[in-house]
Amino acid sequence: MNGVKFQTQFDAIFGTRDRQNVACALACKKMMNDAGFLETNSTDRIDMLVWNKTNQLTKAKTFLDAQLLLDDCLAKGYPVMVGVNRQNSSVGNANKATSHFVVIVGKTAAGYRFFDPGTSHESKGTHATNLLKADANGWLRGISFYNKREYIVTEVRPSIKK
C-alpha cells in the first residue's frame, strides 16, 4: 500500500540480534525511505499522547496537530511513521510514552492500516487486521496481528517526499 514495502526489524542490515531487537524505528525509516520519503527524527515528531505525572497516558498539547498531520499526509497518499505505546511499556525514546514504531500505510472506513516491523513474518506484519481506530477519547488504538498486543499511537512523524 502507498508504495510501502514491508521491512522487518529482524534483518542483518540492522546488526546483531541484540540490535535488531530494538531496530523498529530503523525498519520504519527504511520502509519510508524505500517508498520515496525522507527520514525523520524524534525532533520532527508531533506528540499525540505523553505520560502524565502519575505515569498515565494523557493527550499531549499537540494532540490535534498530530491528528491533522496524520490525516493530511494520508489524504496525499503518503505513508506515515508513528510511535506507539504497547501495554504501558517505556524504553527511553524521546517521547517516553513511545515503546515501538509502525508505519501507517492508509486509511479506510475500517481504520488506519499499519505495517508492523516487529515480526520477521511479512504476512503477519502486513496483515489486513492491523488497524488502528479512534476510541471515545479520539486516541488511535488497535491490536497487532502478530503479537496480539494493543498499540496506542503516541507520536506522528511528518512524511516528506524526496
C-alpha atoms as a PDB file:
ATOM      1  CA  MET A   1       0.000   0.000   0.000  1.00  0.00           C
ATOM      2  CA  ASN A   2       1.152   3.543  -0.817  1.00  0.00           C
ATOM      3  CA  GLY A   3       4.299   2.054  -2.350  1.00  0.00           C
ATOM      4  CA  VAL A   4       5.465   0.798   1.049  1.00  0.00           C
ATOM      5  CA  LYS A   5       7.354  -2.481   1.039  1.00  0.00           C
ATOM      6  CA  PHE A   6       7.391  -4.315   4.371  1.00  0.00           C
ATOM      7  CA  GLN A   7      10.681  -4.331   6.270  1.00  0.00           C
ATOM      8  CA  THR A   8      11.230  -6.412   9.380  1.00  0.00           C
ATOM      9  CA  GLN A   9      13.480  -5.136  12.136  1.00  0.00           C
ATOM     10  CA  PHE A  10      14.945  -8.657  12.296  1.00  0.00           C
ATOM     11  CA  ASP A  11      17.224  -8.183   9.309  1.00  0.00           C
ATOM     12  CA  ALA A  12      21.023  -8.460   9.289  1.00  0.00           C
ATOM     13  CA  ILE A  13      21.250  -4.923   7.858  1.00  0.00           C
ATOM     14  CA  PHE A  14      20.428  -3.678  11.373  1.00  0.00           C
ATOM     15  CA  GLY A  15      23.306  -5.570  13.018  1.00  0.00           C
ATOM     16  CA  THR A  16      23.349  -8.299  15.638  1.00  0.00           C
ATOM     17  CA  ARG A  17      20.211  -9.858  17.095  1.00  0.00           C
ATOM     18  CA  ASP A  18      20.525  -7.560  20.123  1.00  0.00           C
ATOM     19  CA  ARG A  19      20.495  -4.518  17.816  1.00  0.00           C
ATOM     20  CA  GLN A  20      17.625  -5.975  15.764  1.00  0.00           C
ATOM     21  CA  ASN A  21      15.521  -6.336  18.921  1.00  0.00           C
ATOM     22  CA  VAL A  22      15.431  -2.532  19.174  1.00  0.00           C
ATOM     23  CA  ALA A  23      15.502  -1.657  15.450  1.00  0.00           C
ATOM     24  CA  CYS A  24      11.795  -0.946  14.894  1.00  0.00           C
ATOM     25  CA  ALA A  25      12.432   2.770  14.209  1.00  0.00           C
ATOM     26  CA  LEU A  26      15.224   1.915  11.774  1.00  0.00           C
ATOM     27  CA  ALA A  27      12.990  -0.577   9.963  1.00  0.00           C
ATOM     28  CA  CYS A  28      10.184   2.006   9.718  1.00  0.00           C
ATOM     29  CA  LYS A  29      12.607   4.643   8.429  1.00  0.00           C
ATOM     30  CA  LYS A  30      13.765   2.150   5.778  1.00  0.00           C
ATOM     31  CA  MET A  31      10.159   1.458   4.745  1.00  0.00           C
ATOM     32  CA  MET A  32       9.572   5.203   4.427  1.00  0.00           C
ATOM     33  CA  ASN A  33      12.867   5.830   2.610  1.00  0.00           C
ATOM     34  CA  ASP A  34      12.303   2.960   0.160  1.00  0.00           C
ATOM     35  CA  ALA A  35       8.829   4.379  -0.582  1.00  0.00           C
ATOM     36  CA  GLY A  36      10.374   7.745  -1.514  1.00  0.00           C
ATOM     37  CA  PHE A  37      10.216   9.709   1.732  1.00  0.00           C
ATOM     38  CA  LEU A  38      12.930  11.447   3.733  1.00  0.00           C
ATOM     39  CA  GLU A  39      13.995  10.092   7.095  1.00  0.00           C
ATOM     40  CA  THR A  40      12.551  11.984  10.056  1.00  0.00           C
ATOM     41  CA  ASN A  41      13.913  12.011  13.578  1.00  0.00           C
ATOM     42  CA  SER A  42      12.497  12.385  17.070  1.00  0.00           C
ATOM     43  CA  THR A  43      12.908  16.168  16.884  1.00  0.00           C
ATOM     44  CA  ASP A  44      10.453  16.203  13.945  1.00  0.00           C
ATOM     45  CA  ARG A  45       7.717  14.326  15.814  1.00  0.00           C
ATOM     46  CA  ILE A  46       4.406  15.734  16.951  1.00  0.00           C
ATOM     47  CA  ASP A  47       3.168  14.071  20.117  1.00  0.00           C
ATOM     48  CA  MET A  48      -0.369  12.725  20.477  1.00  0.00           C
ATOM     49  CA  LEU A  49      -0.003  11.157  23.919  1.00  0.00           C
ATOM     50  CA  VAL A  50       2.541  11.527  26.713  1.00  0.00           C
ATOM     51  CA  TRP A  51       2.980  10.258  30.262  1.00  0.00           C
ATOM     52  CA  ASN A  52       1.490  12.485  32.951  1.00  0.00           C
ATOM     53  CA  LYS A  53       2.947  12.870  36.453  1.00  0.00           C
ATOM     54  CA  THR A  54       1.218   9.692  37.650  1.00  0.00           C
ATOM     55  CA  ASN A  55       2.543   7.626  34.714  1.00  0.00           C
ATOM     56  CA  GLN A  56      -0.748   7.503  32.865  1.00  0.00           C
ATOM     57  CA  LEU A  57      -1.136   8.219  29.165  1.00  0.00           C
ATOM     58  CA  THR A  58      -2.704  11.601  28.529  1.00  0.00           C
ATOM     59  CA  LYS A  59      -3.333  13.787  25.484  1.00  0.00           C
ATOM     60  CA  ALA A  60      -0.404  15.979  24.569  1.00  0.00           C
ATOM     61  CA  LYS A  61      -0.951  19.696  23.945  1.00  0.00           C
ATOM     62  CA  THR A  62      -0.154  18.915  20.307  1.00  0.00           C
ATOM     63  CA  PHE A  63      -2.708  16.078  20.021  1.00  0.00           C
ATOM     64  CA  LEU A  64      -4.861  17.836  17.406  1.00  0.00           C
ATOM     65  CA  ASP A  65      -1.802  18.950  15.425  1.00  0.00           C
ATOM     66  CA  ALA A  66      -0.614  15.349  15.299  1.00  0.00           C
ATOM     67  CA  GLN A  67      -4.052  14.136  14.164  1.00  0.00           C
ATOM     68  CA  LEU A  68      -4.185  16.818  11.454  1.00  0.00           C
ATOM     69  CA  LEU A  69      -0.678  15.908  10.245  1.00  0.00           C
ATOM     70  CA  LEU A  70      -1.561  12.221  10.085  1.00  0.00           C
ATOM     71  CA  ASP A  71      -4.777  12.776   8.151  1.00  0.00           C
ATOM     72  CA  ASP A  72      -3.174  15.360   5.830  1.00  0.00           C
ATOM     73  CA  CYS A  73      -0.322  13.016   4.897  1.00  0.00           C
ATOM     74  CA  LEU A  74      -2.683  10.098   4.305  1.00  0.00           C
ATOM     75  CA  ALA A  75      -5.007  12.297   2.195  1.00  0.00           C
ATOM     76  CA  LYS A  76      -1.993  12.967  -0.044  1.00  0.00           C
ATOM     77  CA  GLY A  77      -1.406   9.218  -0.310  1.00  0.00           C
ATOM     78  CA  TYR A  78       1.703   9.346   1.902  1.00  0.00           C
ATOM     79  CA  PRO A  79       2.552   6.635   4.428  1.00  0.00           C
ATOM     80  CA  VAL A  80       3.247   7.876   7.965  1.00  0.00           C
ATOM     81  CA  MET A  81       5.703   6.640  10.600  1.00  0.00           C
ATOM     82  CA  VAL A  82       4.152   6.706  14.073  1.00  0.00           C
ATOM     83  CA  GLY A  83       5.255   5.812  17.564  1.00  0.00           C
ATOM     84  CA  VAL A  84       3.010   3.594  19.645  1.00  0.00           C
ATOM     85  CA  ASN A  85       2.748   2.521  23.243  1.00  0.00           C
ATOM     86  CA  ARG A  86       2.491  -1.214  23.880  1.00  0.00           C
ATOM     87  CA  GLN A  87       0.812  -2.017  27.188  1.00  0.00           C
ATOM     88  CA  ASN A  88       2.275   0.987  29.020  1.00  0.00           C
ATOM     89  CA  SER A  89       5.870  -0.072  28.472  1.00  0.00           C
ATOM     90  CA  SER A  90       8.610   2.538  28.100  1.00  0.00           C
ATOM     91  CA  VAL A  91      12.010   2.063  26.502  1.00  0.00           C
ATOM     92  CA  GLY A  92      13.616   5.506  26.632  1.00  0.00           C
ATOM     93  CA  ASN A  93      12.519   7.125  23.375  1.00  0.00           C
ATOM     94  CA  ALA A  94      12.302  10.929  23.136  1.00  0.00           C
ATOM     95  CA  ASN A  95       8.560  10.657  23.822  1.00  0.00           C
ATOM     96  CA  LYS A  96       8.737   8.429  26.894  1.00  0.00           C
ATOM     97  CA  ALA A  97       5.282   7.003  26.069  1.00  0.00           C
ATOM     98  CA  THR A  98       6.598   5.573  22.784  1.00  0.00           C
ATOM     99  CA  SER A  99       7.793   1.981  23.012  1.00  0.00           C
ATOM    100  CA  HIS A 100       7.550   0.816  19.367  1.00  0.00           C
ATOM    101  CA  PHE A 101       7.189   2.204  15.840  1.00  0.00           C
ATOM    102  CA  VAL A 102       4.960   1.217  12.919  1.00  0.00           C
ATOM    103  CA  VAL A 103       4.131   2.687   9.511  1.00  0.00           C
ATOM    104  CA  ILE A 104       0.549   3.654   8.742  1.00  0.00           C
ATOM    105  CA  VAL A 105       0.064   2.837   5.066  1.00  0.00           C
ATOM    106  CA  GLY A 106      -3.502   4.004   4.522  1.00  0.00           C
ATOM    107  CA  LYS A 107      -6.876   4.930   5.922  1.00  0.00           C
ATOM    108  CA  THR A 108     -10.147   3.171   5.146  1.00  0.00           C
ATOM    109  CA  ALA A 109     -13.606   3.160   6.662  1.00  0.00           C
ATOM    110  CA  ALA A 110     -12.353   0.335   8.904  1.00  0.00           C
ATOM    111  CA  GLY A 111      -9.449   2.375  10.333  1.00  0.00           C
ATOM    112  CA  TYR A 112      -5.802   3.220   9.842  1.00  0.00           C
ATOM    113  CA  ARG A 113      -3.941   0.260   8.327  1.00  0.00           C
ATOM    114  CA  PHE A 114      -0.370  -0.261   9.556  1.00  0.00           C
ATOM    115  CA  PHE A 115       2.705  -2.361   8.845  1.00  0.00           C
ATOM    116  CA  ASP A 116       4.442  -3.691  11.952  1.00  0.00           C
ATOM    117  CA  PRO A 117       8.208  -4.357  11.654  1.00  0.00           C
ATOM    118  CA  GLY A 118       8.218  -6.235  14.989  1.00  0.00           C
ATOM    119  CA  THR A 119       7.836  -9.601  13.272  1.00  0.00           C
ATOM    120  CA  SER A 120      10.010 -11.348  10.711  1.00  0.00           C
ATOM    121  CA  HIS A 121       6.858 -12.716   9.023  1.00  0.00           C
ATOM    122  CA  GLU A 122       5.684 -10.320   6.328  1.00  0.00           C
ATOM    123  CA  SER A 123       2.210 -11.892   6.287  1.00  0.00           C
ATOM    124  CA  LYS A 124       1.794 -11.026   9.976  1.00  0.00           C
ATOM    125  CA  GLY A 125       3.413  -7.580   9.808  1.00  0.00           C
ATOM    126  CA  THR A 126       1.154  -6.540   6.914  1.00  0.00           C
ATOM    127  CA  HIS A 127      -1.995  -8.404   7.956  1.00  0.00           C
ATOM    128  CA  ALA A 128      -5.286  -6.748   6.953  1.00  0.00           C
ATOM    129  CA  THR A 129      -6.401  -6.709  10.604  1.00  0.00           C
ATOM    130  CA  ASN A 130      -3.505  -4.425  11.613  1.00  0.00           C
ATOM    131  CA  LEU A 131      -5.856  -1.483  12.122  1.00  0.00           C
ATOM    132  CA  LEU A 132      -5.882   1.497  14.458  1.00  0.00           C
ATOM    133  CA  LYS A 133      -9.269   3.004  15.279  1.00  0.00           C
ATOM    134  CA  ALA A 134     -10.263   6.103  17.225  1.00  0.00           C
ATOM    135  CA  ASP A 135     -11.762   5.368  20.637  1.00  0.00           C
ATOM    136  CA  ALA A 136     -14.190   7.615  22.555  1.00  0.00           C
ATOM    137  CA  ASN A 137     -11.281   9.922  23.519  1.00  0.00           C
ATOM    138  CA  GLY A 138     -10.002  10.155  19.949  1.00  0.00           C
ATOM    139  CA  TRP A 139      -6.961   8.015  20.765  1.00  0.00           C
ATOM    140  CA  LEU A 140      -5.899   5.710  17.941  1.00  0.00           C
ATOM    141  CA  ARG A 141      -5.592   2.131  19.165  1.00  0.00           C
ATOM    142  CA  GLY A 142      -5.572  -1.355  17.719  1.00  0.00           C
ATOM    143  CA  ILE A 143      -4.224  -4.879  18.043  1.00  0.00           C
ATOM    144  CA  SER A 144      -1.170  -6.071  16.113  1.00  0.00           C
ATOM    145  CA  PHE A 145      -1.900  -9.370  14.389  1.00  0.00           C
ATOM    146  CA  TYR A 146       1.464 -10.972  15.132  1.00  0.00           C
ATOM    147  CA  ASN A 147       1.690 -10.440  18.905  1.00  0.00           C
ATOM    148  CA  LYS A 148      -1.944  -9.665  19.847  1.00  0.00           C
ATOM    149  CA  ARG A 149      -0.773  -6.617  21.840  1.00  0.00           C
ATOM    150  CA  GLU A 150      -2.674  -3.348  21.921  1.00  0.00           C
ATOM    151  CA  TYR A 151      -0.915  -0.403  20.286  1.00  0.00           C
ATOM    152  CA  ILE A 152      -1.880   3.211  21.048  1.00  0.00           C
ATOM    153  CA  VAL A 153      -0.446   5.972  18.831  1.00  0.00           C
ATOM    154  CA  THR A 154       1.748   8.344  20.844  1.00  0.00           C
ATOM    155  CA  GLU A 155       3.526  10.375  18.159  1.00  0.00           C
ATOM    156  CA  VAL A 156       3.356  11.177  14.459  1.00  0.00           C
ATOM    157  CA  ARG A 157       6.348  11.848  12.213  1.00  0.00           C
ATOM    158  CA  PRO A 158       5.868  14.083   9.159  1.00  0.00           C
ATOM    159  CA  SER A 159       6.082  12.425   5.735  1.00  0.00           C
ATOM    160  CA  ILE A 160       8.336  14.453   3.465  1.00  0.00           C
ATOM    161  CA  LYS A 161       8.576  13.391  -0.184  1.00  0.00           C
ATOM    162  CA  LYS A 162      12.124  13.129  -1.577  1.00  0.00           C
END
